[in-house]
Amino acid sequence: MVARPTGPARGILTFGVKLNTDYILGMAEIGKSIKILLDIDLVLCADEITQLEQRTVK
């Protein structure tokens, strides 16, 4: 986990294709790299997490 930067925002970035970005909170420049900030509540629902756990636990 990284603290969210409080510096000024830049212009909107485009991906060049149509993507569902509902789960993206934003993007942050940390050092020389760009990080995508995800809304973890939207990335996976509870059912998906349960399914992953069932697949990995044997």
N, C-alpha and C. Protein backbone atom coordinates (compact mmCIF):
# COMPACT_ATOMS: atom_id res chain seq x y z
N MET A 1 0.85 -1.16 0.00
CA MET A 1 0.00 0.00 0.00
C MET A 1 0.89 1.22 0.00
N VAL A 2 0.48 2.21 -0.76
CA VAL A 2 1.22 3.46 -0.88
C VAL A 2 0.28 4.61 -0.59
N ALA A 3 0.76 5.61 0.14
CA ALA A 3 -0.05 6.79 0.41
C ALA A 3 -0.33 7.51 -0.90
N ARG A 4 -1.53 7.96 -1.07
CA ARG A 4 -1.92 8.64 -2.30
C ARG A 4 -1.25 10.01 -2.36
N PRO A 5 -0.56 10.30 -3.47
CA PRO A 5 0.10 11.60 -3.60
C PRO A 5 -0.89 12.75 -3.57
N THR A 6 -0.44 13.90 -3.09
CA THR A 6 -1.32 15.06 -3.00
C THR A 6 -0.91 16.15 -3.97
N GLY A 7 0.06 15.88 -4.85
CA GLY A 7 0.53 16.87 -5.82
C GLY A 7 -0.51 17.17 -6.88
N PRO A 8 -0.16 18.09 -7.77
CA PRO A 8 -1.12 18.50 -8.81
C PRO A 8 -1.41 17.37 -9.79
N ALA A 9 -2.62 17.36 -10.29
CA ALA A 9 -3.03 16.34 -11.26
C ALA A 9 -2.61 16.79 -12.66
N ARG A 10 -2.34 15.80 -13.52
CA ARG A 10 -2.03 16.09 -14.92
C ARG A 10 -3.28 15.87 -15.75
N GLY A 11 -3.16 16.09 -17.04
CA GLY A 11 -4.28 15.88 -17.95
C GLY A 11 -4.70 14.42 -17.97
N ILE A 12 -5.87 14.16 -18.51
CA ILE A 12 -6.42 12.81 -18.58
C ILE A 12 -5.64 11.98 -19.59
N LEU A 13 -5.26 10.78 -19.20
CA LEU A 13 -4.56 9.87 -20.10
C LEU A 13 -5.58 9.03 -20.86
N THR A 14 -5.26 8.68 -22.08
CA THR A 14 -6.12 7.79 -22.86
C THR A 14 -5.37 6.50 -23.12
N PHE A 15 -6.12 5.39 -23.22
CA PHE A 15 -5.53 4.09 -23.45
C PHE A 15 -5.50 3.73 -24.93
N GLY A 16 -6.19 4.47 -25.77
CA GLY A 16 -6.21 4.18 -27.19
C GLY A 16 -7.28 3.19 -27.60
N VAL A 17 -7.90 2.53 -26.65
CA VAL A 17 -9.00 1.60 -26.90
C VAL A 17 -10.07 1.84 -25.85
N LYS A 18 -11.28 1.36 -26.11
CA LYS A 18 -12.35 1.53 -25.14
C LYS A 18 -12.22 0.45 -24.06
N LEU A 19 -12.06 0.87 -22.82
CA LEU A 19 -11.93 -0.03 -21.67
C LEU A 19 -12.96 0.34 -20.61
N ASN A 20 -13.36 -0.64 -19.83
CA ASN A 20 -14.19 -0.37 -18.66
C ASN A 20 -13.25 0.12 -17.56
N THR A 21 -13.37 1.36 -17.20
CA THR A 21 -12.49 1.96 -16.19
C THR A 21 -13.21 2.27 -14.89
N ASP A 22 -14.37 1.65 -14.67
CA ASP A 22 -15.15 1.93 -13.46
C ASP A 22 -14.37 1.64 -12.18
N TYR A 23 -13.47 0.67 -12.22
CA TYR A 23 -12.72 0.25 -11.03
C TYR A 23 -11.43 1.04 -10.83
N ILE A 24 -11.12 1.97 -11.73
CA ILE A 24 -9.91 2.77 -11.60
C ILE A 24 -10.23 4.07 -10.88
N LEU A 25 -9.56 4.29 -9.74
CA LEU A 25 -9.74 5.53 -9.00
C LEU A 25 -8.96 6.67 -9.63
N GLY A 26 -7.81 6.34 -10.17
CA GLY A 26 -6.97 7.37 -10.77
C GLY A 26 -5.61 6.80 -11.09
N MET A 27 -4.70 7.68 -11.46
CA MET A 27 -3.34 7.30 -11.77
C MET A 27 -2.42 8.27 -11.04
N ALA A 28 -1.28 7.75 -10.58
CA ALA A 28 -0.35 8.58 -9.83
C ALA A 28 1.07 8.36 -10.34
N GLU A 29 1.83 9.43 -10.41
CA GLU A 29 3.23 9.33 -10.77
C GLU A 29 4.02 9.21 -9.48
N ILE A 30 4.74 8.09 -9.35
CA ILE A 30 5.56 7.85 -8.17
C ILE A 30 6.98 7.63 -8.68
N GLY A 31 7.85 8.56 -8.39
CA GLY A 31 9.19 8.49 -8.95
C GLY A 31 9.10 8.67 -10.45
N LYS A 32 9.67 7.71 -11.20
CA LYS A 32 9.64 7.78 -12.67
C LYS A 32 8.60 6.84 -13.26
N SER A 33 7.71 6.30 -12.44
CA SER A 33 6.72 5.36 -12.96
C SER A 33 5.30 5.86 -12.68
N ILE A 34 4.36 5.32 -13.45
CA ILE A 34 2.95 5.64 -13.30
C ILE A 34 2.26 4.44 -12.64
N LYS A 35 1.49 4.68 -11.62
CA LYS A 35 0.75 3.63 -10.91
C LYS A 35 -0.75 3.85 -11.12
N ILE A 36 -1.47 2.75 -11.36
CA ILE A 36 -2.92 2.81 -11.49
C ILE A 36 -3.52 2.54 -10.11
N LEU A 37 -4.35 3.45 -9.64
CA LEU A 37 -4.99 3.31 -8.33
C LEU A 37 -6.35 2.65 -8.52
N LEU A 38 -6.53 1.47 -7.91
CA LEU A 38 -7.74 0.69 -8.09
C LEU A 38 -8.69 0.83 -6.92
N ASP A 39 -9.97 0.80 -7.20
CA ASP A 39 -11.01 0.73 -6.16
C ASP A 39 -11.19 -0.75 -5.85
N ILE A 40 -10.57 -1.23 -4.80
CA ILE A 40 -10.51 -2.67 -4.50
C ILE A 40 -11.91 -3.27 -4.33
N ASP A 41 -12.88 -2.46 -3.92
CA ASP A 41 -14.24 -2.96 -3.77
C ASP A 41 -14.89 -3.27 -5.12
N LEU A 42 -14.36 -2.70 -6.19
CA LEU A 42 -14.92 -2.94 -7.52
C LEU A 42 -14.10 -3.92 -8.34
N VAL A 43 -12.87 -4.19 -7.94
CA VAL A 43 -11.99 -5.08 -8.71
C VAL A 43 -12.53 -6.51 -8.67
N LEU A 44 -12.80 -7.01 -7.49
CA LEU A 44 -13.36 -8.36 -7.31
C LEU A 44 -14.56 -8.28 -6.37
N CYS A 45 -15.61 -9.00 -6.71
CA CYS A 45 -16.74 -9.07 -5.80
C CYS A 45 -16.52 -10.22 -4.82
N ALA A 46 -17.31 -10.30 -3.78
CA ALA A 46 -17.16 -11.33 -2.75
C ALA A 46 -17.23 -12.74 -3.35
N ASP A 47 -18.15 -12.96 -4.31
CA ASP A 47 -18.27 -14.29 -4.93
C ASP A 47 -17.00 -14.67 -5.68
N GLU A 48 -16.38 -13.73 -6.37
CA GLU A 48 -15.14 -14.01 -7.10
C GLU A 48 -14.00 -14.35 -6.15
N ILE A 49 -13.93 -13.65 -5.05
CA ILE A 49 -12.89 -13.94 -4.05
C ILE A 49 -13.09 -15.34 -3.49
N THR A 50 -14.33 -15.71 -3.18
CA THR A 50 -14.63 -17.05 -2.67
C THR A 50 -14.24 -18.11 -3.69
N GLN A 51 -14.55 -17.89 -4.96
CA GLN A 51 -14.19 -18.85 -6.01
C GLN A 51 -12.67 -19.00 -6.11
N LEU A 52 -11.94 -17.92 -6.02
CA LEU A 52 -10.48 -18.00 -6.06
C LEU A 52 -9.94 -18.79 -4.87
N GLU A 53 -10.49 -18.54 -3.70
CA GLU A 53 -10.05 -19.25 -2.50
C GLU A 53 -10.32 -20.75 -2.63
N GLN A 54 -11.47 -21.11 -3.19
CA GLN A 54 -11.81 -22.54 -3.35
C GLN A 54 -10.87 -23.21 -4.35
N ARG A 55 -10.43 -22.52 -5.35
CA ARG A 55 -9.52 -23.09 -6.36
C ARG A 55 -8.12 -23.29 -5.81
N THR A 56 -7.70 -22.43 -4.89
CA THR A 56 -6.32 -22.49 -4.40
C THR A 56 -6.18 -23.36 -3.15
N VAL A 57 -7.24 -23.59 -2.43
CA VAL A 57 -7.19 -24.42 -1.22
C VAL A 57 -7.54 -25.86 -1.60
N LYS A 58 -6.62 -26.76 -1.34
CA LYS A 58 -6.88 -28.18 -1.68
C LYS A 58 -6.67 -29.05 -0.47
